[in-house]
């Protein structure tokens, strides 16, 4: 096992760039997984990380030791606790980080039948929650516009809780082009819609179009939708959180398909 104690170490500097720069993550096609749960989900997807990083306490953690056994051929480096903390945004570091190659999507618009099209979702927590719901609901793919938060940032990864590794995540997309190619029903969530989600037949190919947390969907995507839909809200709230709306839409489709 290697040890790193200096902030001037070149490998540490490269790792630190990954924590704060979407451009760097895209350039090298790598990101960091923070915590045992995310690494376990990654291993469950039958992939192996490129490098594992530990703090001093990790050797006393049974869960972490079990993960190291599952990744026995992966290089391991122990970081000084202060350096490890700089790579983790958590107040109480979990003790393990994994450097991974960002998976490439295996699906195309023409091959998916249950999808999300996300336009300019900017809050990392919201985006991560949406990805988690999409994975749980069994979506084929999630298409993200150029204005969305970086799907592989540490905050989005934590919020998705491993959902990334059960999905085809396709970033930097022209959603107008995606919508035109998709073979199925396009349902656009809109507060101004008069048609209820619960009146829709969701048993065939369907994609939900979800817009920015404040501005909603662009006029272009609304015009391409097969149907604009709303979620009935008999209470006094003006709107739902975008991630909550996604979960409701996806699992209404799951209910109908079951």
Foldseek 3Di string as FASTA:
>chain_A
DAEDEDCPDPVLVLLLCQQPDPVSCVVVQKHKAFALLQLVLVVVLVDAFQEKEFEPCLVVDPSSVVSCVSRVPHHYYYYYPVSQVSSDPDPDGRGMMTMHRNDAFPDDLQPFQEEEEEEQAEDLLLLLLLLLLCLVLQGAAYEYAQNYDRCRHRSSSVNVSSSSSSYRYHYHDPVLVSLVNHDDAEEEEDLPFDAALLVDQLQTRYYYYWYYQPPTDDPSSVVSGPGYHYHDDPDDDSDDGRSVVSNVNSVSSSVNND
